[in-house]
């Protein structure tokens, strides 16, 4: 099984998904991220999905679950680089991804994480 690398950038973790995820890979990412947030004390997680061309309902739910786990562990999660077709698919599947913050690109996503860290805000609505 392929494991997605998790990189540390200051107080944040960076995940770049470079391939369409299978269910086992998505579950492993969820577990690995939770472990790394707890281990490093990271206050932000940036997930770059710009290479994803296809998502199914399971992957959509996993993104929402990862965001929820991050919130519980006191880390803000921002998903960046969503392709228009992916956004359309998620809406068509009825997945609103409640609690998942998004940004158009890595630069904007990092700015959101930096602002959250500076304000002590976790973006909970």
PDB file of N, CA and C in Angstrom:
ATOM      1  N   UNK A   1       0.847  -1.185   0.000  1.00  0.00           N
ATOM      2  CA  UNK A   1       0.000   0.000   0.000  1.00  0.00           C
ATOM      3  C   UNK A   1       0.892   1.247   0.000  1.00  0.00           C
ATOM      4  N   UNK A   2       0.529   2.212  -0.816  1.00  0.00           N
ATOM      5  CA  UNK A   2       1.244   3.473  -0.916  1.00  0.00           C
ATOM      6  C   UNK A   2       0.873   4.368   0.254  1.00  0.00           C
ATOM      7  N   UNK A   3       1.864   5.013   0.871  1.00  0.00           N
ATOM      8  CA  UNK A   3       1.612   5.956   1.952  1.00  0.00           C
ATOM      9  C   UNK A   3       1.961   7.350   1.464  1.00  0.00           C
ATOM     10  N   UNK A   4       1.104   8.287   1.760  1.00  0.00           N
ATOM     11  CA  UNK A   4       1.297   9.661   1.322  1.00  0.00           C
ATOM     12  C   UNK A   4       2.215  10.371   2.312  1.00  0.00           C
ATOM     13  N   UNK A   5       3.302  10.997   1.811  1.00  0.00           N
ATOM     14  CA  UNK A   5       4.237  11.682   2.710  1.00  0.00           C
ATOM     15  C   UNK A   5       3.600  12.893   3.396  1.00  0.00           C
ATOM     16  N   UNK A   6       3.996  13.118   4.627  1.00  0.00           N
ATOM     17  CA  UNK A   6       3.549  14.265   5.406  1.00  0.00           C
ATOM     18  C   UNK A   6       4.802  15.052   5.778  1.00  0.00           C
ATOM     19  N   UNK A   7       4.872  16.293   5.304  1.00  0.00           N
ATOM     20  CA  UNK A   7       6.032  17.137   5.557  1.00  0.00           C
ATOM     21  C   UNK A   7       5.706  18.180   6.606  1.00  0.00           C
ATOM     22  N   UNK A   8       6.687  18.508   7.422  1.00  0.00           N
ATOM     23  CA  UNK A   8       6.504  19.555   8.427  1.00  0.00           C
ATOM     24  C   UNK A   8       7.081  20.858   7.904  1.00  0.00           C
ATOM     25  N   UNK A   9       6.286  21.921   7.987  1.00  0.00           N
ATOM     26  CA  UNK A   9       6.715  23.262   7.609  1.00  0.00           C
ATOM     27  C   UNK A   9       6.400  24.181   8.779  1.00  0.00           C
ATOM     28  N   UNK A  10       7.398  24.448   9.604  1.00  0.00           N
ATOM     29  CA  UNK A  10       7.148  25.257  10.790  1.00  0.00           C
ATOM     30  C   UNK A  10       6.174  24.545  11.713  1.00  0.00           C
ATOM     31  N   UNK A  11       5.070  25.220  12.035  1.00  0.00           N
ATOM     32  CA  UNK A  11       4.060  24.648  12.929  1.00  0.00           C
ATOM     33  C   UNK A  11       2.943  23.938  12.170  1.00  0.00           C
ATOM     34  N   UNK A  12       3.120  23.788  10.860  1.00  0.00           N
ATOM     35  CA  UNK A  12       2.091  23.146  10.037  1.00  0.00           C
ATOM     36  C   UNK A  12       2.616  21.873   9.382  1.00  0.00           C
ATOM     37  N   UNK A  13       1.681  21.049   8.954  1.00  0.00           N
ATOM     38  CA  UNK A  13       1.999  19.846   8.195  1.00  0.00           C
ATOM     39  C   UNK A  13       1.482  20.038   6.777  1.00  0.00           C
ATOM     40  N   UNK A  14       2.270  19.598   5.808  1.00  0.00           N
ATOM     41  CA  UNK A  14       1.903  19.721   4.398  1.00  0.00           C
ATOM     42  C   UNK A  14       1.761  18.336   3.797  1.00  0.00           C
ATOM     43  N   UNK A  15       0.611  18.099   3.161  1.00  0.00           N
ATOM     44  CA  UNK A  15       0.333  16.833   2.495  1.00  0.00           C
ATOM     45  C   UNK A  15       0.011  17.158   1.042  1.00  0.00           C
ATOM     46  N   UNK A  16       0.761  16.560   0.130  1.00  0.00           N
ATOM     47  CA  UNK A  16       0.495  16.742  -1.289  1.00  0.00           C
ATOM     48  C   UNK A  16       0.094  15.398  -1.865  1.00  0.00           C
ATOM     49  N   UNK A  17      -1.145  15.305  -2.273  1.00  0.00           N
ATOM     50  CA  UNK A  17      -1.659  14.063  -2.833  1.00  0.00           C
ATOM     51  C   UNK A  17      -1.400  14.095  -4.332  1.00  0.00           C
ATOM     52  N   UNK A  18      -0.552  13.190  -4.793  1.00  0.00           N
ATOM     53  CA  UNK A  18      -0.097  13.200  -6.176  1.00  0.00           C
ATOM     54  C   UNK A  18      -0.769  12.154  -7.058  1.00  0.00           C
ATOM     55  N   UNK A  19      -1.731  11.438  -6.499  1.00  0.00           N
ATOM     56  CA  UNK A  19      -2.386  10.378  -7.270  1.00  0.00           C
ATOM     57  C   UNK A  19      -3.812  10.232  -6.777  1.00  0.00           C
ATOM     58  N   UNK A  20      -4.650   9.613  -7.590  1.00  0.00           N
ATOM     59  CA  UNK A  20      -6.002   9.319  -7.140  1.00  0.00           C
ATOM     60  C   UNK A  20      -5.910   8.313  -5.995  1.00  0.00           C
ATOM     61  N   UNK A  21      -6.610   8.608  -4.910  1.00  0.00           N
ATOM     62  CA  UNK A  21      -6.496   7.795  -3.705  1.00  0.00           C
ATOM     63  C   UNK A  21      -7.461   6.622  -3.709  1.00  0.00           C
ATOM     64  N   UNK A  22      -6.938   5.489  -3.300  1.00  0.00           N
ATOM     65  CA  UNK A  22      -7.780   4.340  -3.027  1.00  0.00           C
ATOM     66  C   UNK A  22      -8.239   4.436  -1.574  1.00  0.00           C
ATOM     67  N   UNK A  23      -9.253   3.689  -1.222  1.00  0.00           N
ATOM     68  CA  UNK A  23      -9.812   3.759   0.130  1.00  0.00           C
ATOM     69  C   UNK A  23      -8.772   3.476   1.200  1.00  0.00           C
ATOM     70  N   UNK A  24      -7.928   2.453   1.004  1.00  0.00           N
ATOM     71  CA  UNK A  24      -6.914   2.107   2.012  1.00  0.00           C
ATOM     72  C   UNK A  24      -5.902   3.232   2.181  1.00  0.00           C
ATOM     73  N   UNK A  25      -5.534   3.884   1.100  1.00  0.00           N
ATOM     74  CA  UNK A  25      -4.577   4.994   1.173  1.00  0.00           C
ATOM     75  C   UNK A  25      -5.185   6.154   1.944  1.00  0.00           C
ATOM     76  N   UNK A  26      -6.452   6.443   1.695  1.00  0.00           N
ATOM     77  CA  UNK A  26      -7.135   7.529   2.400  1.00  0.00           C
ATOM     78  C   UNK A  26      -7.233   7.236   3.899  1.00  0.00           C
ATOM     79  N   UNK A  27      -7.533   6.004   4.250  1.00  0.00           N
ATOM     80  CA  UNK A  27      -7.610   5.633   5.670  1.00  0.00           C
ATOM     81  C   UNK A  27      -6.243   5.721   6.335  1.00  0.00           C
ATOM     82  N   UNK A  28      -5.197   5.292   5.633  1.00  0.00           N
ATOM     83  CA  UNK A  28      -3.846   5.382   6.180  1.00  0.00           C
ATOM     84  C   UNK A  28      -3.456   6.840   6.372  1.00  0.00           C
ATOM     85  N   UNK A  29      -3.833   7.700   5.424  1.00  0.00           N
ATOM     86  CA  UNK A  29      -3.523   9.130   5.557  1.00  0.00           C
ATOM     87  C   UNK A  29      -4.205   9.706   6.787  1.00  0.00           C
ATOM     88  N   UNK A  30      -5.450   9.342   7.012  1.00  0.00           N
ATOM     89  CA  UNK A  30      -6.165   9.825   8.195  1.00  0.00           C
ATOM     90  C   UNK A  30      -5.413   9.438   9.469  1.00  0.00           C
ATOM     91  N   UNK A  31      -5.026   8.185   9.573  1.00  0.00           N
ATOM     92  CA  UNK A  31      -4.308   7.711  10.753  1.00  0.00           C
ATOM     93  C   UNK A  31      -2.945   8.385  10.887  1.00  0.00           C
ATOM     94  N   UNK A  32      -2.202   8.469   9.775  1.00  0.00           N
ATOM     95  CA  UNK A  32      -0.872   9.075   9.803  1.00  0.00           C
ATOM     96  C   UNK A  32      -0.932  10.546  10.198  1.00  0.00           C
ATOM     97  N   UNK A  33      -1.926  11.272   9.670  1.00  0.00           N
ATOM     98  CA  UNK A  33      -2.046  12.691  10.007  1.00  0.00           C
ATOM     99  C   UNK A  33      -2.383  12.886  11.479  1.00  0.00           C
ATOM    100  N   UNK A  34      -3.308  12.097  11.993  1.00  0.00           N
ATOM    101  CA  UNK A  34      -3.653  12.210  13.413  1.00  0.00           C
ATOM    102  C   UNK A  34      -2.424  11.968  14.280  1.00  0.00           C
ATOM    103  N   UNK A  35      -1.659  10.958  13.931  1.00  0.00           N
ATOM    104  CA  UNK A  35      -0.440  10.652  14.681  1.00  0.00           C
ATOM    105  C   UNK A  35       0.570  11.800  14.592  1.00  0.00           C
ATOM    106  N   UNK A  36       0.765  12.348  13.409  1.00  0.00           N
ATOM    107  CA  UNK A  36       1.741  13.426  13.229  1.00  0.00           C
ATOM    108  C   UNK A  36       1.309  14.728  13.908  1.00  0.00           C
ATOM    109  N   UNK A  37       0.014  15.033  13.895  1.00  0.00           N
ATOM    110  CA  UNK A  37      -0.471  16.224  14.598  1.00  0.00           C
ATOM    111  C   UNK A  37      -0.165  16.089  16.080  1.00  0.00           C
ATOM    112  N   UNK A  38      -0.484  14.938  16.653  1.00  0.00           N
ATOM    113  CA  UNK A  38      -0.239  14.717  18.081  1.00  0.00           C
ATOM    114  C   UNK A  38       1.254  14.713  18.390  1.00  0.00           C
ATOM    115  N   UNK A  39       2.040  14.081  17.535  1.00  0.00           N
ATOM    116  CA  UNK A  39       3.480  13.956  17.770  1.00  0.00           C
ATOM    117  C   UNK A  39       4.204  15.297  17.665  1.00  0.00           C
ATOM    118  N   UNK A  40       3.836  16.105  16.681  1.00  0.00           N
ATOM    119  CA  UNK A  40       4.565  17.349  16.421  1.00  0.00           C
ATOM    120  C   UNK A  40       3.937  18.568  17.078  1.00  0.00           C
ATOM    121  N   UNK A  41       2.685  18.457  17.508  1.00  0.00           N
ATOM    122  CA  UNK A  41       1.992  19.623  18.047  1.00  0.00           C
ATOM    123  C   UNK A  41       1.627  20.631  16.972  1.00  0.00           C
ATOM    124  N   UNK A  42       1.532  20.172  15.739  1.00  0.00           N
ATOM    125  CA  UNK A  42       1.211  21.072  14.628  1.00  0.00           C
ATOM    126  C   UNK A  42      -0.133  21.747  14.860  1.00  0.00           C
ATOM    127  N   UNK A  43      -0.216  23.029  14.484  1.00  0.00           N
ATOM    128  CA  UNK A  43      -1.486  23.731  14.623  1.00  0.00           C
ATOM    129  C   UNK A  43      -2.187  23.951  13.290  1.00  0.00           C
ATOM    130  N   UNK A  44      -1.587  23.435  12.216  1.00  0.00           N
ATOM    131  CA  UNK A  44      -2.200  23.559  10.900  1.00  0.00           C
ATOM    132  C   UNK A  44      -1.860  22.374  10.018  1.00  0.00           C
ATOM    133  N   UNK A  45      -2.804  22.038   9.122  1.00  0.00           N
ATOM    134  CA  UNK A  45      -2.599  20.978   8.141  1.00  0.00           C
ATOM    135  C   UNK A  45      -3.064  21.523   6.798  1.00  0.00           C
ATOM    136  N   UNK A  46      -2.194  21.474   5.817  1.00  0.00           N
ATOM    137  CA  UNK A  46      -2.535  21.903   4.470  1.00  0.00           C
ATOM    138  C   UNK A  46      -2.509  20.672   3.573  1.00  0.00           C
ATOM    139  N   UNK A  47      -3.638  20.375   2.937  1.00  0.00           N
ATOM    140  CA  UNK A  47      -3.741  19.214   2.062  1.00  0.00           C
ATOM    141  C   UNK A  47      -3.929  19.713   0.634  1.00  0.00           C
ATOM    142  N   UNK A  48      -2.934  19.462  -0.206  1.00  0.00           N
ATOM    143  CA  UNK A  48      -2.973  19.884  -1.604  1.00  0.00           C
ATOM    144  C   UNK A  48      -3.516  18.743  -2.447  1.00  0.00           C
ATOM    145  N   UNK A  49      -4.702  18.946  -3.019  1.00  0.00           N
ATOM    146  CA  UNK A  49      -5.325  17.906  -3.842  1.00  0.00           C
ATOM    147  C   UNK A  49      -5.358  18.309  -5.319  1.00  0.00           C
ATOM    148  N   UNK A  50      -4.481  19.206  -5.721  1.00  0.00           N
ATOM    149  CA  UNK A  50      -4.507  19.712  -7.098  1.00  0.00           C
ATOM    150  C   UNK A  50      -4.274  18.620  -8.138  1.00  0.00           C
ATOM    151  N   UNK A  51      -3.630  17.530  -7.772  1.00  0.00           N
ATOM    152  CA  UNK A  51      -3.393  16.442  -8.726  1.00  0.00           C
ATOM    153  C   UNK A  51      -4.566  15.470  -8.813  1.00  0.00           C
ATOM    154  N   UNK A  52      -5.529  15.586  -7.897  1.00  0.00           N
ATOM    155  CA  UNK A  52      -6.685  14.684  -7.920  1.00  0.00           C
ATOM    156  C   UNK A  52      -7.643  15.094  -9.031  1.00  0.00           C
ATOM    157  N   UNK A  53      -7.951  14.162  -9.895  1.00  0.00           N
ATOM    158  CA  UNK A  53      -8.904  14.428 -10.965  1.00  0.00           C
ATOM    159  C   UNK A  53     -10.248  13.775 -10.683  1.00  0.00           C
ATOM    160  N   UNK A  54     -10.238  12.766  -9.823  1.00  0.00           N
ATOM    161  CA  UNK A  54     -11.455  12.013  -9.531  1.00  0.00           C
ATOM    162  C   UNK A  54     -11.554  11.813  -8.021  1.00  0.00           C
ATOM    163  N   UNK A  55     -12.754  12.015  -7.491  1.00  0.00           N
ATOM    164  CA  UNK A  55     -13.018  11.665  -6.092  1.00  0.00           C
ATOM    165  C   UNK A  55     -14.329  10.898  -6.041  1.00  0.00           C
ATOM    166  N   UNK A  56     -14.426  10.053  -5.046  1.00  0.00           N
ATOM    167  CA  UNK A  56     -15.696   9.379  -4.809  1.00  0.00           C
ATOM    168  C   UNK A  56     -16.188   9.805  -3.433  1.00  0.00           C
ATOM    169  N   UNK A  57     -17.333   9.308  -3.049  1.00  0.00           N
ATOM    170  CA  UNK A  57     -17.923   9.733  -1.777  1.00  0.00           C
ATOM    171  C   UNK A  57     -17.043   9.349  -0.596  1.00  0.00           C
ATOM    172  N   UNK A  58     -16.342   8.214  -0.695  1.00  0.00           N
ATOM    173  CA  UNK A  58     -15.484   7.791   0.412  1.00  0.00           C
ATOM    174  C   UNK A  58     -14.349   8.786   0.623  1.00  0.00           C
ATOM    175  N   UNK A  59     -13.686   9.194  -0.443  1.00  0.00           N
ATOM    176  CA  UNK A  59     -12.582  10.155  -0.325  1.00  0.00           C
ATOM    177  C   UNK A  59     -13.110  11.491   0.186  1.00  0.00           C
ATOM    178  N   UNK A  60     -14.271  11.906  -0.282  1.00  0.00           N
ATOM    179  CA  UNK A  60     -14.871  13.141   0.218  1.00  0.00           C
ATOM    180  C   UNK A  60     -15.137  13.081   1.710  1.00  0.00           C
ATOM    181  N   UNK A  61     -15.690  11.957   2.157  1.00  0.00           N
ATOM    182  CA  UNK A  61     -15.945  11.799   3.602  1.00  0.00           C
ATOM    183  C   UNK A  61     -14.639  11.763   4.394  1.00  0.00           C
ATOM    184  N   UNK A  62     -13.604  11.169   3.812  1.00  0.00           N
ATOM    185  CA  UNK A  62     -12.310  11.114   4.503  1.00  0.00           C
ATOM    186  C   UNK A  62     -11.720  12.511   4.665  1.00  0.00           C
ATOM    187  N   UNK A  63     -11.862  13.369   3.663  1.00  0.00           N
ATOM    188  CA  UNK A  63     -11.378  14.750   3.797  1.00  0.00           C
ATOM    189  C   UNK A  63     -12.111  15.457   4.940  1.00  0.00           C
ATOM    190  N   UNK A  64     -13.415  15.248   5.022  1.00  0.00           N
ATOM    191  CA  UNK A  64     -14.191  15.836   6.120  1.00  0.00           C
ATOM    192  C   UNK A  64     -13.759  15.254   7.459  1.00  0.00           C
ATOM    193  N   UNK A  65     -13.513  13.949   7.502  1.00  0.00           N
ATOM    194  CA  UNK A  65     -13.087  13.301   8.745  1.00  0.00           C
ATOM    195  C   UNK A  65     -11.713  13.801   9.178  1.00  0.00           C
ATOM    196  N   UNK A  66     -10.800  13.949   8.229  1.00  0.00           N
ATOM    197  CA  UNK A  66      -9.458  14.451   8.548  1.00  0.00           C
ATOM    198  C   UNK A  66      -9.551  15.851   9.138  1.00  0.00           C
ATOM    199  N   UNK A  67     -10.403  16.686   8.559  1.00  0.00           N
ATOM    200  CA  UNK A  67     -10.586  18.034   9.087  1.00  0.00           C
ATOM    201  C   UNK A  67     -11.138  17.997  10.510  1.00  0.00           C
ATOM    202  N   UNK A  68     -12.121  17.119  10.748  1.00  0.00           N
ATOM    203  CA  UNK A  68     -12.688  16.995  12.087  1.00  0.00           C
ATOM    204  C   UNK A  68     -11.677  16.491  13.100  1.00  0.00           C
ATOM    205  N   UNK A  69     -10.881  15.520  12.716  1.00  0.00           N
ATOM    206  CA  UNK A  69      -9.835  15.004  13.607  1.00  0.00           C
ATOM    207  C   UNK A  69      -8.837  16.103  13.919  1.00  0.00           C
ATOM    208  N   UNK A  70      -8.460  16.865  12.902  1.00  0.00           N
ATOM    209  CA  UNK A  70      -7.541  17.986  13.121  1.00  0.00           C
ATOM    210  C   UNK A  70      -8.097  18.981  14.121  1.00  0.00           C
ATOM    211  N   UNK A  71      -9.387  19.333  13.976  1.00  0.00           N
ATOM    212  CA  UNK A  71     -10.012  20.282  14.907  1.00  0.00           C
ATOM    213  C   UNK A  71      -9.958  19.763  16.332  1.00  0.00           C
ATOM    214  N   UNK A  72     -10.270  18.474  16.504  1.00  0.00           N
ATOM    215  CA  UNK A  72     -10.261  17.897  17.848  1.00  0.00           C
ATOM    216  C   UNK A  72      -8.846  17.931  18.438  1.00  0.00           C
ATOM    217  N   UNK A  73      -7.837  17.778  17.562  1.00  0.00           N
ATOM    218  CA  UNK A  73      -6.438  17.812  18.012  1.00  0.00           C
ATOM    219  C   UNK A  73      -5.857  19.219  17.963  1.00  0.00           C
ATOM    220  N   UNK A  74      -6.717  20.240  17.832  1.00  0.00           N
ATOM    221  CA  UNK A  74      -6.332  21.654  17.860  1.00  0.00           C
ATOM    222  C   UNK A  74      -5.482  22.079  16.662  1.00  0.00           C
ATOM    223  N   UNK A  75      -5.824  21.563  15.488  1.00  0.00           N
ATOM    224  CA  UNK A  75      -5.133  21.956  14.261  1.00  0.00           C
ATOM    225  C   UNK A  75      -6.166  22.326  13.202  1.00  0.00           C
ATOM    226  N   UNK A  76      -5.933  23.433  12.539  1.00  0.00           N
ATOM    227  CA  UNK A  76      -6.778  23.873  11.439  1.00  0.00           C
ATOM    228  C   UNK A  76      -6.374  23.125  10.177  1.00  0.00           C
ATOM    229  N   UNK A  77      -7.349  22.636   9.426  1.00  0.00           N
ATOM    230  CA  UNK A  77      -7.074  21.944   8.166  1.00  0.00           C
ATOM    231  C   UNK A  77      -7.619  22.772   7.018  1.00  0.00           C
ATOM    232  N   UNK A  78      -6.776  22.961   5.986  1.00  0.00           N
ATOM    233  CA  UNK A  78      -7.190  23.659   4.783  1.00  0.00           C
ATOM    234  C   UNK A  78      -6.874  22.761   3.589  1.00  0.00           C
ATOM    235  N   UNK A  79      -7.874  22.536   2.752  1.00  0.00           N
ATOM    236  CA  UNK A  79      -7.706  21.761   1.523  1.00  0.00           C
ATOM    237  C   UNK A  79      -7.535  22.757   0.385  1.00  0.00           C
ATOM    238  N   UNK A  80      -6.478  22.584  -0.403  1.00  0.00           N
ATOM    239  CA  UNK A  80      -6.194  23.531  -1.478  1.00  0.00           C
ATOM    240  C   UNK A  80      -6.093  22.823  -2.826  1.00  0.00           C
ATOM    241  N   UNK A  81      -6.286  23.613  -3.892  1.00  0.00           N
ATOM    242  CA  UNK A  81      -6.055  23.121  -5.242  1.00  0.00           C
ATOM    243  C   UNK A  81      -7.145  22.248  -5.807  1.00  0.00           C
ATOM    244  N   UNK A  82      -8.360  22.360  -5.294  1.00  0.00           N
ATOM    245  CA  UNK A  82      -9.433  21.507  -5.792  1.00  0.00           C
ATOM    246  C   UNK A  82      -9.762  21.870  -7.242  1.00  0.00           C
ATOM    247  N   UNK A  83      -9.756  20.859  -8.094  1.00  0.00           N
ATOM    248  CA  UNK A  83     -10.116  21.046  -9.495  1.00  0.00           C
ATOM    249  C   UNK A  83     -11.630  21.279  -9.603  1.00  0.00           C
ATOM    250  N   UNK A  84     -12.073  22.081 -10.574  1.00  0.00           N
ATOM    251  CA  UNK A  84     -13.516  22.320 -10.730  1.00  0.00           C
ATOM    252  C   UNK A  84     -14.323  21.025 -10.866  1.00  0.00           C
ATOM    253  N   UNK A  85     -13.803  20.056 -11.606  1.00  0.00           N
ATOM    254  CA  UNK A  85     -14.534  18.788 -11.772  1.00  0.00           C
ATOM    255  C   UNK A  85     -14.695  18.061 -10.442  1.00  0.00           C
ATOM    256  N   UNK A  86     -13.699  18.154  -9.577  1.00  0.00           N
ATOM    257  CA  UNK A  86     -13.778  17.526  -8.256  1.00  0.00           C
ATOM    258  C   UNK A  86     -14.841  18.223  -7.419  1.00  0.00           C
ATOM    259  N   UNK A  87     -14.852  19.554  -7.448  1.00  0.00           N
ATOM    260  CA  UNK A  87     -15.859  20.305  -6.703  1.00  0.00           C
ATOM    261  C   UNK A  87     -17.262  19.957  -7.187  1.00  0.00           C
ATOM    262  N   UNK A  88     -17.435  19.888  -8.486  1.00  0.00           N
ATOM    263  CA  UNK A  88     -18.736  19.540  -9.062  1.00  0.00           C
ATOM    264  C   UNK A  88     -19.158  18.147  -8.617  1.00  0.00           C
ATOM    265  N   UNK A  89     -18.238  17.200  -8.668  1.00  0.00           N
ATOM    266  CA  UNK A  89     -18.542  15.827  -8.258  1.00  0.00           C
ATOM    267  C   UNK A  89     -18.961  15.765  -6.800  1.00  0.00           C
ATOM    268  N   UNK A  90     -18.235  16.467  -5.938  1.00  0.00           N
ATOM    269  CA  UNK A  90     -18.574  16.457  -4.509  1.00  0.00           C
ATOM    270  C   UNK A  90     -19.980  17.013  -4.275  1.00  0.00           C
ATOM    271  N   UNK A  91     -20.310  18.096  -4.978  1.00  0.00           N
ATOM    272  CA  UNK A  91     -21.651  18.674  -4.833  1.00  0.00           C
ATOM    273  C   UNK A  91     -22.700  17.707  -5.368  1.00  0.00           C
ATOM    274  N   UNK A  92     -22.435  17.091  -6.511  1.00  0.00           N
ATOM    275  CA  UNK A  92     -23.381  16.139  -7.081  1.00  0.00           C
ATOM    276  C   UNK A  92     -23.592  14.932  -6.173  1.00  0.00           C
ATOM    277  N   UNK A  93     -22.558  14.558  -5.423  1.00  0.00           N
ATOM    278  CA  UNK A  93     -22.672  13.446  -4.479  1.00  0.00           C
ATOM    279  C   UNK A  93     -23.376  13.860  -3.188  1.00  0.00           C
ATOM    280  N   UNK A  94     -23.644  15.157  -3.052  1.00  0.00           N
ATOM    281  CA  UNK A  94     -24.307  15.660  -1.851  1.00  0.00           C
ATOM    282  C   UNK A  94     -23.374  15.855  -0.677  1.00  0.00           C
ATOM    283  N   UNK A  95     -22.076  15.957  -0.950  1.00  0.00           N
ATOM    284  CA  UNK A  95     -21.092  16.142   0.123  1.00  0.00           C
ATOM    285  C   UNK A  95     -20.727  17.614   0.231  1.00  0.00           C
ATOM    286  N   UNK A  96     -21.184  18.267   1.289  1.00  0.00           N
ATOM    287  CA  UNK A  96     -20.890  19.685   1.466  1.00  0.00           C
ATOM    288  C   UNK A  96     -19.558  19.907   2.174  1.00  0.00           C
ATOM    289  N   UNK A  97     -18.962  18.839   2.703  1.00  0.00           N
ATOM    290  CA  UNK A  97     -17.693  18.907   3.427  1.00  0.00           C
ATOM    291  C   UNK A  97     -17.740  19.948   4.544  1.00  0.00           C
ATOM    292  N   UNK A  98     -18.782  19.867   5.353  1.00  0.00           N
ATOM    293  CA  UNK A  98     -18.916  20.784   6.489  1.00  0.00           C
ATOM    294  C   UNK A  98     -17.657  20.790   7.332  1.00  0.00           C
ATOM    295  N   UNK A  99     -17.212  21.970   7.689  1.00  0.00           N
ATOM    296  CA  UNK A  99     -16.036  22.123   8.534  1.00  0.00           C
ATOM    297  C   UNK A  99     -14.717  22.081   7.794  1.00  0.00           C
ATOM    298  N   UNK A 100     -14.751  21.786   6.500  1.00  0.00           N
ATOM    299  CA  UNK A 100     -13.515  21.736   5.718  1.00  0.00           C
ATOM    300  C   UNK A 100     -13.285  23.108   5.105  1.00  0.00           C
ATOM    301  N   UNK A 101     -12.174  23.716   5.424  1.00  0.00           N
ATOM    302  CA  UNK A 101     -11.804  25.005   4.854  1.00  0.00           C
ATOM    303  C   UNK A 101     -11.052  24.761   3.559  1.00  0.00           C
ATOM    304  N   UNK A 102     -11.310  25.587   2.570  1.00  0.00           N
ATOM    305  CA  UNK A 102     -10.651  25.422   1.279  1.00  0.00           C
ATOM    306  C   UNK A 102     -10.028  26.740   0.833  1.00  0.00           C
ATOM    307  N   UNK A 103      -9.024  26.614  -0.021  1.00  0.00           N
ATOM    308  CA  UNK A 103      -8.386  27.767  -0.650  1.00  0.00           C
ATOM    309  C   UNK A 103      -8.018  27.360  -2.067  1.00  0.00           C
ATOM    310  N   UNK A 104      -7.888  28.343  -2.945  1.00  0.00           N
ATOM    311  CA  UNK A 104      -7.593  28.040  -4.341  1.00  0.00           C
ATOM    312  C   UNK A 104      -6.213  27.448  -4.552  1.00  0.00           C
ATOM    313  N   UNK A 105      -5.230  27.884  -3.748  1.00  0.00           N
ATOM    314  CA  UNK A 105      -3.863  27.407  -3.965  1.00  0.00           C
ATOM    315  C   UNK A 105      -3.104  27.345  -2.641  1.00  0.00           C
ATOM    316  N   UNK A 106      -1.892  26.823  -2.712  1.00  0.00           N
ATOM    317  CA  UNK A 106      -1.067  26.628  -1.518  1.00  0.00           C
ATOM    318  C   UNK A 106      -0.776  27.960  -0.834  1.00  0.00           C
ATOM    319  N   UNK A 107      -0.483  28.985  -1.608  1.00  0.00           N
ATOM    320  CA  UNK A 107      -0.162  30.296  -1.041  1.00  0.00           C
ATOM    321  C   UNK A 107      -1.316  30.831  -0.190  1.00  0.00           C
ATOM    322  N   UNK A 108      -2.522  30.769  -0.726  1.00  0.00           N
ATOM    323  CA  UNK A 108      -3.688  31.245   0.031  1.00  0.00           C
ATOM    324  C   UNK A 108      -3.969  30.349   1.240  1.00  0.00           C
ATOM    325  N   UNK A 109      -3.777  29.052   1.060  1.00  0.00           N
ATOM    326  CA  UNK A 109      -3.987  28.129   2.171  1.00  0.00           C
ATOM    327  C   UNK A 109      -3.025  28.382   3.323  1.00  0.00           C
ATOM    328  N   UNK A 110      -1.750  28.595   2.987  1.00  0.00           N
ATOM    329  CA  UNK A 110      -0.767  28.895   4.041  1.00  0.00           C
ATOM    330  C   UNK A 110      -1.102  30.206   4.736  1.00  0.00           C
ATOM    331  N   UNK A 111      -1.580  31.197   3.977  1.00  0.00           N
ATOM    332  CA  UNK A 111      -1.981  32.476   4.590  1.00  0.00           C
ATOM    333  C   UNK A 111      -3.132  32.254   5.570  1.00  0.00           C
ATOM    334  N   UNK A 112      -4.075  31.370   5.220  1.00  0.00           N
ATOM    335  CA  UNK A 112      -5.178  31.062   6.139  1.00  0.00           C
ATOM    336  C   UNK A 112      -4.658  30.412   7.416  1.00  0.00           C
ATOM    337  N   UNK A 113      -3.715  29.473   7.274  1.00  0.00           N
ATOM    338  CA  UNK A 113      -3.150  28.802   8.451  1.00  0.00           C
ATOM    339  C   UNK A 113      -2.368  29.780   9.320  1.00  0.00           C
ATOM    340  N   UNK A 114      -1.597  30.663   8.692  1.00  0.00           N
ATOM    341  CA  UNK A 114      -0.828  31.658   9.453  1.00  0.00           C
ATOM    342  C   UNK A 114      -1.752  32.610  10.197  1.00  0.00           C
ATOM    343  N   UNK A 115      -2.838  33.032   9.545  1.00  0.00           N
ATOM    344  CA  UNK A 115      -3.800  33.918  10.197  1.00  0.00           C
ATOM    345  C   UNK A 115      -4.475  33.220  11.371  1.00  0.00           C
ATOM    346  N   UNK A 116      -4.804  31.949  11.190  1.00  0.00           N
ATOM    347  CA  UNK A 116      -5.443  31.182  12.269  1.00  0.00           C
ATOM    348  C   UNK A 116      -4.506  31.039  13.456  1.00  0.00           C
ATOM    349  N   UNK A 117      -3.223  30.785  13.176  1.00  0.00           N
ATOM    350  CA  UNK A 117      -2.245  30.632  14.256  1.00  0.00           C
ATOM    351  C   UNK A 117      -2.040  31.950  14.987  1.00  0.00           C
ATOM    352  N   UNK A 118      -2.008  33.050  14.245  1.00  0.00           N
ATOM    353  CA  UNK A 118      -1.796  34.366  14.856  1.00  0.00           C
ATOM    354  C   UNK A 118      -2.979  34.781  15.721  1.00  0.00           C
ATOM    355  N   UNK A 119      -4.187  34.433  15.274  1.00  0.00           N
ATOM    356  CA  UNK A 119      -5.398  34.814  15.997  1.00  0.00           C
ATOM    357  C   UNK A 119      -5.799  33.812  17.060  1.00  0.00           C
ATOM    358  N   UNK A 120      -5.175  32.622  17.014  1.00  0.00           N
ATOM    359  CA  UNK A 120      -5.615  31.564  17.905  1.00  0.00           C
ATOM    360  C   UNK A 120      -6.969  31.038  17.491  1.00  0.00           C
ATOM    361  N   UNK A 121      -7.359  31.313  16.225  1.00  0.00           N
ATOM    362  CA  UNK A 121      -8.653  30.918  15.685  1.00  0.00           C
ATOM    363  C   UNK A 121      -8.535  29.542  15.049  1.00  0.00           C
ATOM    364  N   UNK A 122      -9.525  28.685  15.279  1.00  0.00           N
ATOM    365  CA  UNK A 122      -9.494  27.368  14.660  1.00  0.00           C
ATOM    366  C   UNK A 122     -10.520  27.245  13.547  1.00  0.00           C
ATOM    367  N   UNK A 123     -11.088  28.347  13.102  1.00  0.00           N
ATOM    368  CA  UNK A 123     -12.045  28.407  12.000  1.00  0.00           C
ATOM    369  C   UNK A 123     -13.334  27.642  12.265  1.00  0.00           C
ATOM    370  N   UNK A 124     -13.629  27.281  13.477  1.00  0.00           N
ATOM    371  CA  UNK A 124     -14.873  26.570  13.745  1.00  0.00           C
ATOM    372  C   UNK A 124     -16.023  27.534  13.542  1.00  0.00           C
ATOM    373  N   UNK A 125     -17.020  27.095  12.770  1.00  0.00           N
ATOM    374  CA  UNK A 125     -18.180  27.961  12.505  1.00  0.00           C
ATOM    375  C   UNK A 125     -19.341  27.558  13.349  1.00  0.00           C
TER     376      UNK A 125
END
